[in-house]
Amino acid sequence: MAERDRICRIADMMESLPDKEVTRRSLLKTGALLGGSAILMSKIEGALGLLKNAEAASSGGYPLADAGNVIYSVCLQCHTACPIKVKILDGIAVKIDGNPYSAQNMIPNLKQDTSPWRSAKIDAKV
């Protein structure tokens, strides 16, 4: 008898629900919401990785401040040839700063005999 009462209550609840039509507009809105949520969730891991890197920077473990992850070069997009410092993470250029050895990017500039391990931690303007 209890099973029958439960089924009757479920049927009564189903009847009390408003009859909603699935329109094209509501289908597109729901699909856009679910698609956007799926894309957001796939990118969350990368955002959390950036936050972990930012936290590591405050504790002294910033991977971009390692001289092994820095390439000194020049930008050739105009005739000036600005000296730059490119920071590499996992084989990808992730940040471009000015070269601290250059008087064009930093005043006073670093002396040429400054260790690359020290200069990797100094960011100059571009």
C-alpha atoms as a PDB file:
ATOM      1  CA  MET A   1       0.000   0.000   0.000  1.00  0.00           C
ATOM      2  CA  ALA A   2       2.844   2.390   0.818  1.00  0.00           C
ATOM      3  CA  GLU A   3       4.317   1.893  -2.644  1.00  0.00           C
ATOM      4  CA  ARG A   4       0.999   2.791  -4.245  1.00  0.00           C
ATOM      5  CA  ASP A   5       0.689   5.959  -2.122  1.00  0.00           C
ATOM      6  CA  ARG A   6       4.182   6.997  -3.113  1.00  0.00           C
ATOM      7  CA  ILE A   7       3.392   6.502  -6.802  1.00  0.00           C
ATOM      8  CA  CYS A   8       0.186   8.529  -6.410  1.00  0.00           C
ATOM      9  CA  ARG A   9       2.072  11.376  -4.725  1.00  0.00           C
ATOM     10  CA  ILE A  10       4.652  11.403  -7.523  1.00  0.00           C
ATOM     11  CA  ALA A  11       1.859  11.470 -10.112  1.00  0.00           C
ATOM     12  CA  ASP A  12       0.178  14.366  -8.261  1.00  0.00           C
ATOM     13  CA  MET A  13       3.461  16.303  -8.196  1.00  0.00           C
ATOM     14  CA  MET A  14       3.973  15.714 -11.916  1.00  0.00           C
ATOM     15  CA  GLU A  15       0.485  17.042 -12.661  1.00  0.00           C
ATOM     16  CA  SER A  16       1.106  20.161 -10.582  1.00  0.00           C
ATOM     17  CA  LEU A  17       4.198  21.084 -12.628  1.00  0.00           C
ATOM     18  CA  PRO A  18       3.535  23.745 -15.246  1.00  0.00           C
ATOM     19  CA  ASP A  19       3.460  22.533 -18.831  1.00  0.00           C
ATOM     20  CA  LYS A  20       6.510  24.055 -20.467  1.00  0.00           C
ATOM     21  CA  GLU A  21       7.095  23.963 -24.166  1.00  0.00           C
ATOM     22  CA  VAL A  22      10.572  23.482 -25.501  1.00  0.00           C
ATOM     23  CA  THR A  23      10.939  26.358 -27.903  1.00  0.00           C
ATOM     24  CA  ARG A  24      13.794  26.973 -30.254  1.00  0.00           C
ATOM     25  CA  ARG A  25      14.776  30.021 -28.237  1.00  0.00           C
ATOM     26  CA  SER A  26      14.902  28.149 -24.919  1.00  0.00           C
ATOM     27  CA  LEU A  27      16.828  25.303 -26.551  1.00  0.00           C
ATOM     28  CA  LEU A  28      19.443  27.729 -27.932  1.00  0.00           C
ATOM     29  CA  LYS A  29      19.740  29.562 -24.606  1.00  0.00           C
ATOM     30  CA  THR A  30      20.195  26.319 -22.699  1.00  0.00           C
ATOM     31  CA  GLY A  31      22.690  25.019 -25.261  1.00  0.00           C
ATOM     32  CA  ALA A  32      24.691  28.250 -25.079  1.00  0.00           C
ATOM     33  CA  LEU A  33      24.723  28.071 -21.282  1.00  0.00           C
ATOM     34  CA  LEU A  34      25.880  24.452 -21.250  1.00  0.00           C
ATOM     35  CA  GLY A  35      28.459  25.040 -24.001  1.00  0.00           C
ATOM     36  CA  GLY A  36      29.854  28.107 -22.253  1.00  0.00           C
ATOM     37  CA  SER A  37      30.023  26.207 -18.982  1.00  0.00           C
ATOM     38  CA  ALA A  38      31.889  23.348 -20.651  1.00  0.00           C
ATOM     39  CA  ILE A  39      34.433  25.752 -22.181  1.00  0.00           C
ATOM     40  CA  LEU A  40      34.861  27.529 -18.854  1.00  0.00           C
ATOM     41  CA  MET A  41      35.455  24.263 -17.031  1.00  0.00           C
ATOM     42  CA  SER A  42      38.063  23.204 -19.590  1.00  0.00           C
ATOM     43  CA  LYS A  43      39.970  26.480 -19.038  1.00  0.00           C
ATOM     44  CA  ILE A  44      39.716  26.472 -15.233  1.00  0.00           C
ATOM     45  CA  GLU A  45      42.757  24.198 -14.901  1.00  0.00           C
ATOM     46  CA  GLY A  46      44.939  26.710 -16.754  1.00  0.00           C
ATOM     47  CA  ALA A  47      43.669  29.563 -14.594  1.00  0.00           C
ATOM     48  CA  LEU A  48      44.408  27.591 -11.443  1.00  0.00           C
ATOM     49  CA  GLY A  49      47.912  26.939 -12.771  1.00  0.00           C
ATOM     50  CA  LEU A  50      48.446  30.681 -13.224  1.00  0.00           C
ATOM     51  CA  LEU A  51      47.250  31.287  -9.665  1.00  0.00           C
ATOM     52  CA  LYS A  52      49.658  28.658  -8.354  1.00  0.00           C
ATOM     53  CA  ASN A  53      52.495  30.362 -10.270  1.00  0.00           C
ATOM     54  CA  ALA A  54      51.513  33.716  -8.768  1.00  0.00           C
ATOM     55  CA  GLU A  55      51.528  32.202  -5.279  1.00  0.00           C
ATOM     56  CA  ALA A  56      54.906  30.613  -5.969  1.00  0.00           C
ATOM     57  CA  ALA A  57      56.243  34.011  -7.069  1.00  0.00           C
ATOM     58  CA  SER A  58      55.466  35.482  -3.675  1.00  0.00           C
ATOM     59  CA  SER A  59      57.263  32.597  -1.944  1.00  0.00           C
ATOM     60  CA  GLY A  60      60.367  32.870  -4.128  1.00  0.00           C
ATOM     61  CA  GLY A  61      59.720  29.952  -6.501  1.00  0.00           C
ATOM     62  CA  TYR A  62      58.833  31.996  -9.594  1.00  0.00           C
ATOM     63  CA  PRO A  63      59.901  29.866 -12.606  1.00  0.00           C
ATOM     64  CA  LEU A  64      60.221  32.837 -14.980  1.00  0.00           C
ATOM     65  CA  ALA A  65      62.915  34.402 -12.781  1.00  0.00           C
ATOM     66  CA  ASP A  66      65.279  31.517 -13.567  1.00  0.00           C
ATOM     67  CA  ALA A  67      68.080  32.514 -15.946  1.00  0.00           C
ATOM     68  CA  GLY A  68      67.622  29.210 -17.779  1.00  0.00           C
ATOM     69  CA  ASN A  69      64.145  30.364 -18.840  1.00  0.00           C
ATOM     70  CA  VAL A  70      65.270  33.727 -20.278  1.00  0.00           C
ATOM     71  CA  ILE A  71      66.447  34.631 -23.787  1.00  0.00           C
ATOM     72  CA  TYR A  72      67.923  38.065 -24.506  1.00  0.00           C
ATOM     73  CA  SER A  73      67.137  39.304 -28.002  1.00  0.00           C
ATOM     74  CA  VAL A  74      65.898  42.318 -29.981  1.00  0.00           C
ATOM     75  CA  CYS A  75      62.488  43.231 -31.377  1.00  0.00           C
ATOM     76  CA  LEU A  76      62.711  43.892 -35.129  1.00  0.00           C
ATOM     77  CA  GLN A  77      59.177  45.148 -35.745  1.00  0.00           C
ATOM     78  CA  CYS A  78      60.457  48.648 -36.482  1.00  0.00           C
ATOM     79  CA  HIS A  79      63.794  50.319 -37.260  1.00  0.00           C
ATOM     80  CA  THR A  80      64.658  50.899 -33.583  1.00  0.00           C
ATOM     81  CA  ALA A  81      65.509  47.247 -32.704  1.00  0.00           C
ATOM     82  CA  CYS A  82      64.551  47.466 -29.035  1.00  0.00           C
ATOM     83  CA  PRO A  83      66.466  45.084 -26.757  1.00  0.00           C
ATOM     84  CA  ILE A  84      64.099  42.596 -25.100  1.00  0.00           C
ATOM     85  CA  LYS A  85      64.153  39.779 -22.590  1.00  0.00           C
ATOM     86  CA  VAL A  86      61.843  36.856 -23.469  1.00  0.00           C
ATOM     87  CA  LYS A  87      60.700  34.572 -20.651  1.00  0.00           C
ATOM     88  CA  ILE A  88      60.127  30.942 -21.638  1.00  0.00           C
ATOM     89  CA  LEU A  89      57.901  28.433 -19.808  1.00  0.00           C
ATOM     90  CA  ASP A  90      57.543  24.863 -21.102  1.00  0.00           C
ATOM     91  CA  GLY A  91      59.102  25.871 -24.434  1.00  0.00           C
ATOM     92  CA  ILE A  92      56.638  28.728 -25.056  1.00  0.00           C
ATOM     93  CA  ALA A  93      57.373  32.456 -24.858  1.00  0.00           C
ATOM     94  CA  VAL A  94      55.045  33.696 -22.111  1.00  0.00           C
ATOM     95  CA  LYS A  95      56.319  37.197 -21.311  1.00  0.00           C
ATOM     96  CA  ILE A  96      58.405  39.869 -23.003  1.00  0.00           C
ATOM     97  CA  ASP A  97      60.179  42.506 -20.931  1.00  0.00           C
ATOM     98  CA  GLY A  98      62.805  45.077 -21.667  1.00  0.00           C
ATOM     99  CA  ASN A  99      66.445  44.033 -21.478  1.00  0.00           C
ATOM    100  CA  PRO A 100      67.849  45.373 -18.172  1.00  0.00           C
ATOM    101  CA  TYR A 101      71.351  45.575 -19.696  1.00  0.00           C
ATOM    102  CA  SER A 102      70.148  48.258 -22.146  1.00  0.00           C
ATOM    103  CA  ALA A 103      70.135  51.978 -21.400  1.00  0.00           C
ATOM    104  CA  GLN A 104      67.156  52.220 -23.726  1.00  0.00           C
ATOM    105  CA  ASN A 105      64.991  50.128 -21.359  1.00  0.00           C
ATOM    106  CA  MET A 106      66.329  50.856 -17.900  1.00  0.00           C
ATOM    107  CA  ILE A 107      67.906  53.925 -16.351  1.00  0.00           C
ATOM    108  CA  PRO A 108      70.337  53.352 -14.764  1.00  0.00           C
ATOM    109  CA  ASN A 109      71.027  50.220 -16.752  1.00  0.00           C
ATOM    110  CA  LEU A 110      72.788  47.164 -15.362  1.00  0.00           C
ATOM    111  CA  LYS A 111      76.514  46.860 -15.823  1.00  0.00           C
ATOM    112  CA  GLN A 112      77.537  44.387 -18.510  1.00  0.00           C
ATOM    113  CA  ASP A 113      79.365  42.226 -15.959  1.00  0.00           C
ATOM    114  CA  THR A 114      76.145  41.622 -13.964  1.00  0.00           C
ATOM    115  CA  SER A 115      75.383  37.925 -13.614  1.00  0.00           C
ATOM    116  CA  PRO A 116      72.555  36.578 -15.830  1.00  0.00           C
ATOM    117  CA  TRP A 117      71.166  34.860 -12.718  1.00  0.00           C
ATOM    118  CA  ARG A 118      70.730  38.274 -11.086  1.00  0.00           C
ATOM    119  CA  SER A 119      69.479  40.063 -14.203  1.00  0.00           C
ATOM    120  CA  ALA A 120      66.815  37.387 -14.834  1.00  0.00           C
ATOM    121  CA  LYS A 121      65.000  38.643 -11.725  1.00  0.00           C
ATOM    122  CA  ILE A 122      64.972  42.275 -12.896  1.00  0.00           C
ATOM    123  CA  ASP A 123      62.244  43.424 -15.296  1.00  0.00           C
ATOM    124  CA  ALA A 124      62.850  46.544 -17.357  1.00  0.00           C
ATOM    125  CA  LYS A 125      60.321  48.529 -19.383  1.00  0.00           C
ATOM    126  CA  VAL A 126      59.830  47.737 -23.045  1.00  0.00           C
END
